[in-house]
Amino acid sequence: MNSKDKWLWIPMIALMVGAGLPPILIGFAEDSWQERIWVGMFTTMGAFTYAVFKKAGSRMLVISKWVEESPIGSTALVFVFTFVASGASALFATLPVPLWIHLLAGGCFAIAALTMLTKKAP
């Protein structure tokens, strides 16, 4: 293990805490349909959050540089990224709407994320 890689356990913990905290705070019933919606939406919200963070990082170069060069910055990014993706999907799963609306909105978020990722900057 390279000496630069010894700090990587910190972002790994941030990843686990960021992703696991919102479902714990919301408190889904075990093996419920809300839990299954959360699991499915986590991937879509992850892609959407990545697209938003990438677009914001290209506009805020100081923050982007801090995240790239600092272990604290990259740890903060990992925690915030997973917390936002997991929290958004947990809140989405608690909406009292029919399942087809959940599926439609999930597809819209996925299309928006892909559009943001593939659109060329001006």
C-alpha atoms as a PDB file:
ATOM      1  CA  MET A   1       0.000   0.000   0.000  1.00  0.00           C
ATOM      2  CA  ASN A   2       1.406   3.334  -1.044  1.00  0.00           C
ATOM      3  CA  SER A   3       1.753   5.985   1.674  1.00  0.00           C
ATOM      4  CA  LYS A   4      -0.687   8.207  -0.239  1.00  0.00           C
ATOM      5  CA  ASP A   5      -3.321   5.466  -0.144  1.00  0.00           C
ATOM      6  CA  LYS A   6      -3.356   5.006   3.642  1.00  0.00           C
ATOM      7  CA  TRP A   7      -6.024   7.655   4.139  1.00  0.00           C
ATOM      8  CA  LEU A   8      -8.521   5.975   1.756  1.00  0.00           C
ATOM      9  CA  TRP A   9     -10.389   4.283   4.615  1.00  0.00           C
ATOM     10  CA  ILE A  10     -11.749   7.698   5.635  1.00  0.00           C
ATOM     11  CA  PRO A  11     -13.662   8.291   2.346  1.00  0.00           C
ATOM     12  CA  MET A  12     -14.881   4.687   2.506  1.00  0.00           C
ATOM     13  CA  ILE A  13     -16.436   5.355   5.913  1.00  0.00           C
ATOM     14  CA  ALA A  14     -17.870   8.633   4.587  1.00  0.00           C
ATOM     15  CA  LEU A  15     -19.395   6.690   1.677  1.00  0.00           C
ATOM     16  CA  MET A  16     -21.066   4.180   3.991  1.00  0.00           C
ATOM     17  CA  VAL A  17     -22.336   6.790   6.453  1.00  0.00           C
ATOM     18  CA  GLY A  18     -23.558   9.135   3.723  1.00  0.00           C
ATOM     19  CA  ALA A  19     -25.497   6.404   1.953  1.00  0.00           C
ATOM     20  CA  GLY A  20     -26.833   4.697   5.071  1.00  0.00           C
ATOM     21  CA  LEU A  21     -27.885   7.656   7.195  1.00  0.00           C
ATOM     22  CA  PRO A  22     -31.004   8.880   5.290  1.00  0.00           C
ATOM     23  CA  PRO A  23     -32.825   5.507   5.254  1.00  0.00           C
ATOM     24  CA  ILE A  24     -32.091   5.119   8.963  1.00  0.00           C
ATOM     25  CA  LEU A  25     -33.466   8.587   9.701  1.00  0.00           C
ATOM     26  CA  ILE A  26     -36.580   8.029   7.565  1.00  0.00           C
ATOM     27  CA  GLY A  27     -37.191   4.594   9.068  1.00  0.00           C
ATOM     28  CA  PHE A  28     -38.649   2.420   6.325  1.00  0.00           C
ATOM     29  CA  ALA A  29     -40.469  -0.715   7.381  1.00  0.00           C
ATOM     30  CA  GLU A  30     -38.374  -3.771   6.654  1.00  0.00           C
ATOM     31  CA  ASP A  31     -39.096  -5.340   3.246  1.00  0.00           C
ATOM     32  CA  SER A  32     -41.616  -2.627   2.329  1.00  0.00           C
ATOM     33  CA  TRP A  33     -42.332  -1.199  -1.115  1.00  0.00           C
ATOM     34  CA  GLN A  34     -40.782   2.105   0.008  1.00  0.00           C
ATOM     35  CA  GLU A  35     -37.510   0.347   0.727  1.00  0.00           C
ATOM     36  CA  ARG A  36     -37.552  -1.244  -2.724  1.00  0.00           C
ATOM     37  CA  ILE A  37     -38.260   2.137  -4.358  1.00  0.00           C
ATOM     38  CA  TRP A  38     -35.357   3.652  -2.386  1.00  0.00           C
ATOM     39  CA  VAL A  39     -32.982   0.958  -3.599  1.00  0.00           C
ATOM     40  CA  GLY A  40     -34.048   1.466  -7.208  1.00  0.00           C
ATOM     41  CA  MET A  41     -33.946   5.249  -7.052  1.00  0.00           C
ATOM     42  CA  PHE A  42     -30.517   5.340  -5.395  1.00  0.00           C
ATOM     43  CA  THR A  43     -28.841   4.542  -8.714  1.00  0.00           C
ATOM     44  CA  THR A  44     -30.872   7.127 -10.616  1.00  0.00           C
ATOM     45  CA  MET A  45     -30.337   9.804  -7.976  1.00  0.00           C
ATOM     46  CA  GLY A  46     -26.644   8.920  -7.879  1.00  0.00           C
ATOM     47  CA  ALA A  47     -26.336   9.575 -11.611  1.00  0.00           C
ATOM     48  CA  PHE A  48     -28.385  12.773 -11.313  1.00  0.00           C
ATOM     49  CA  THR A  49     -26.324  14.013  -8.346  1.00  0.00           C
ATOM     50  CA  TYR A  50     -23.097  13.186 -10.191  1.00  0.00           C
ATOM     51  CA  ALA A  51     -24.259  15.191 -13.199  1.00  0.00           C
ATOM     52  CA  VAL A  52     -25.196  18.177 -11.021  1.00  0.00           C
ATOM     53  CA  PHE A  53     -21.905  18.033  -9.086  1.00  0.00           C
ATOM     54  CA  LYS A  54     -19.917  17.743 -12.320  1.00  0.00           C
ATOM     55  CA  LYS A  55     -21.676  20.766 -13.804  1.00  0.00           C
ATOM     56  CA  ALA A  56     -21.208  22.757 -10.583  1.00  0.00           C
ATOM     57  CA  GLY A  57     -17.555  21.712 -10.330  1.00  0.00           C
ATOM     58  CA  SER A  58     -16.817  22.998 -13.814  1.00  0.00           C
ATOM     59  CA  ARG A  59     -18.202  26.410 -12.803  1.00  0.00           C
ATOM     60  CA  MET A  60     -16.623  26.595  -9.326  1.00  0.00           C
ATOM     61  CA  LEU A  61     -12.985  25.857 -10.089  1.00  0.00           C
ATOM     62  CA  VAL A  62     -11.721  26.701  -6.596  1.00  0.00           C
ATOM     63  CA  ILE A  63     -13.918  24.043  -4.995  1.00  0.00           C
ATOM     64  CA  SER A  64     -13.093  21.571  -7.752  1.00  0.00           C
ATOM     65  CA  LYS A  65      -9.362  22.083  -7.213  1.00  0.00           C
ATOM     66  CA  TRP A  66      -9.761  21.732  -3.419  1.00  0.00           C
ATOM     67  CA  VAL A  67     -11.583  18.424  -3.844  1.00  0.00           C
ATOM     68  CA  GLU A  68      -8.931  17.089  -6.224  1.00  0.00           C
ATOM     69  CA  GLU A  69      -5.928  18.076  -4.105  1.00  0.00           C
ATOM     70  CA  SER A  70      -7.127  17.653  -0.520  1.00  0.00           C
ATOM     71  CA  PRO A  71      -7.996  14.439   1.334  1.00  0.00           C
ATOM     72  CA  ILE A  72     -10.490  16.434   3.411  1.00  0.00           C
ATOM     73  CA  GLY A  73     -12.100  17.847   0.271  1.00  0.00           C
ATOM     74  CA  SER A  74     -12.467  14.458  -1.379  1.00  0.00           C
ATOM     75  CA  THR A  75     -13.848  12.947   1.842  1.00  0.00           C
ATOM     76  CA  ALA A  76     -16.367  15.783   2.117  1.00  0.00           C
ATOM     77  CA  LEU A  77     -17.360  15.269  -1.527  1.00  0.00           C
ATOM     78  CA  VAL A  78     -17.882  11.533  -1.025  1.00  0.00           C
ATOM     79  CA  PHE A  79     -20.038  12.095   2.071  1.00  0.00           C
ATOM     80  CA  VAL A  80     -22.107  14.914   0.579  1.00  0.00           C
ATOM     81  CA  PHE A  81     -22.552  13.078  -2.736  1.00  0.00           C
ATOM     82  CA  THR A  82     -23.825   9.854  -1.175  1.00  0.00           C
ATOM     83  CA  PHE A  83     -25.911  11.696   1.439  1.00  0.00           C
ATOM     84  CA  VAL A  84     -27.628  13.808  -1.227  1.00  0.00           C
ATOM     85  CA  ALA A  85     -28.237  10.821  -3.521  1.00  0.00           C
ATOM     86  CA  SER A  86     -29.484   8.596  -0.705  1.00  0.00           C
ATOM     87  CA  GLY A  87     -31.497  11.355   0.959  1.00  0.00           C
ATOM     88  CA  ALA A  88     -33.183  12.402  -2.268  1.00  0.00           C
ATOM     89  CA  SER A  89     -34.117   8.822  -3.087  1.00  0.00           C
ATOM     90  CA  ALA A  90     -35.379   8.252   0.479  1.00  0.00           C
ATOM     91  CA  LEU A  91     -37.560  11.360   0.331  1.00  0.00           C
ATOM     92  CA  PHE A  92     -38.737  10.331  -3.126  1.00  0.00           C
ATOM     93  CA  ALA A  93     -39.719   6.896  -1.797  1.00  0.00           C
ATOM     94  CA  THR A  94     -41.876   8.432   0.940  1.00  0.00           C
ATOM     95  CA  LEU A  95     -44.035  10.443  -1.474  1.00  0.00           C
ATOM     96  CA  PRO A  96     -47.635   9.202  -1.225  1.00  0.00           C
ATOM     97  CA  VAL A  97     -48.179   8.770  -4.967  1.00  0.00           C
ATOM     98  CA  PRO A  98     -48.957   5.700  -7.094  1.00  0.00           C
ATOM     99  CA  LEU A  99     -46.116   3.458  -8.212  1.00  0.00           C
ATOM    100  CA  TRP A 100     -46.405   4.497 -11.869  1.00  0.00           C
ATOM    101  CA  ILE A 101     -45.641   8.111 -10.902  1.00  0.00           C
ATOM    102  CA  HIS A 102     -42.533   6.926  -9.049  1.00  0.00           C
ATOM    103  CA  LEU A 103     -41.420   5.046 -12.158  1.00  0.00           C
ATOM    104  CA  LEU A 104     -42.170   7.975 -14.471  1.00  0.00           C
ATOM    105  CA  ALA A 105     -40.315  10.462 -12.271  1.00  0.00           C
ATOM    106  CA  GLY A 106     -37.368   8.063 -11.952  1.00  0.00           C
ATOM    107  CA  GLY A 107     -37.155   7.812 -15.729  1.00  0.00           C
ATOM    108  CA  CYS A 108     -37.280  11.604 -16.031  1.00  0.00           C
ATOM    109  CA  PHE A 109     -34.432  11.989 -13.516  1.00  0.00           C
ATOM    110  CA  ALA A 110     -32.381   9.409 -15.431  1.00  0.00           C
ATOM    111  CA  ILE A 111     -32.967  11.159 -18.766  1.00  0.00           C
ATOM    112  CA  ALA A 112     -32.110  14.538 -17.222  1.00  0.00           C
ATOM    113  CA  ALA A 113     -28.885  13.106 -15.772  1.00  0.00           C
ATOM    114  CA  LEU A 114     -27.849  11.569 -19.089  1.00  0.00           C
ATOM    115  CA  THR A 115     -28.661  14.803 -20.911  1.00  0.00           C
ATOM    116  CA  MET A 116     -26.552  16.825 -18.482  1.00  0.00           C
ATOM    117  CA  LEU A 117     -23.650  14.386 -18.770  1.00  0.00           C
ATOM    118  CA  THR A 118     -23.630  14.198 -22.562  1.00  0.00           C
ATOM    119  CA  LYS A 119     -24.345  17.846 -23.347  1.00  0.00           C
ATOM    120  CA  LYS A 120     -21.239  19.697 -24.471  1.00  0.00           C
ATOM    121  CA  ALA A 121     -20.294  22.845 -22.614  1.00  0.00           C
ATOM    122  CA  PRO A 122     -20.561  26.090 -24.614  1.00  0.00           C
END
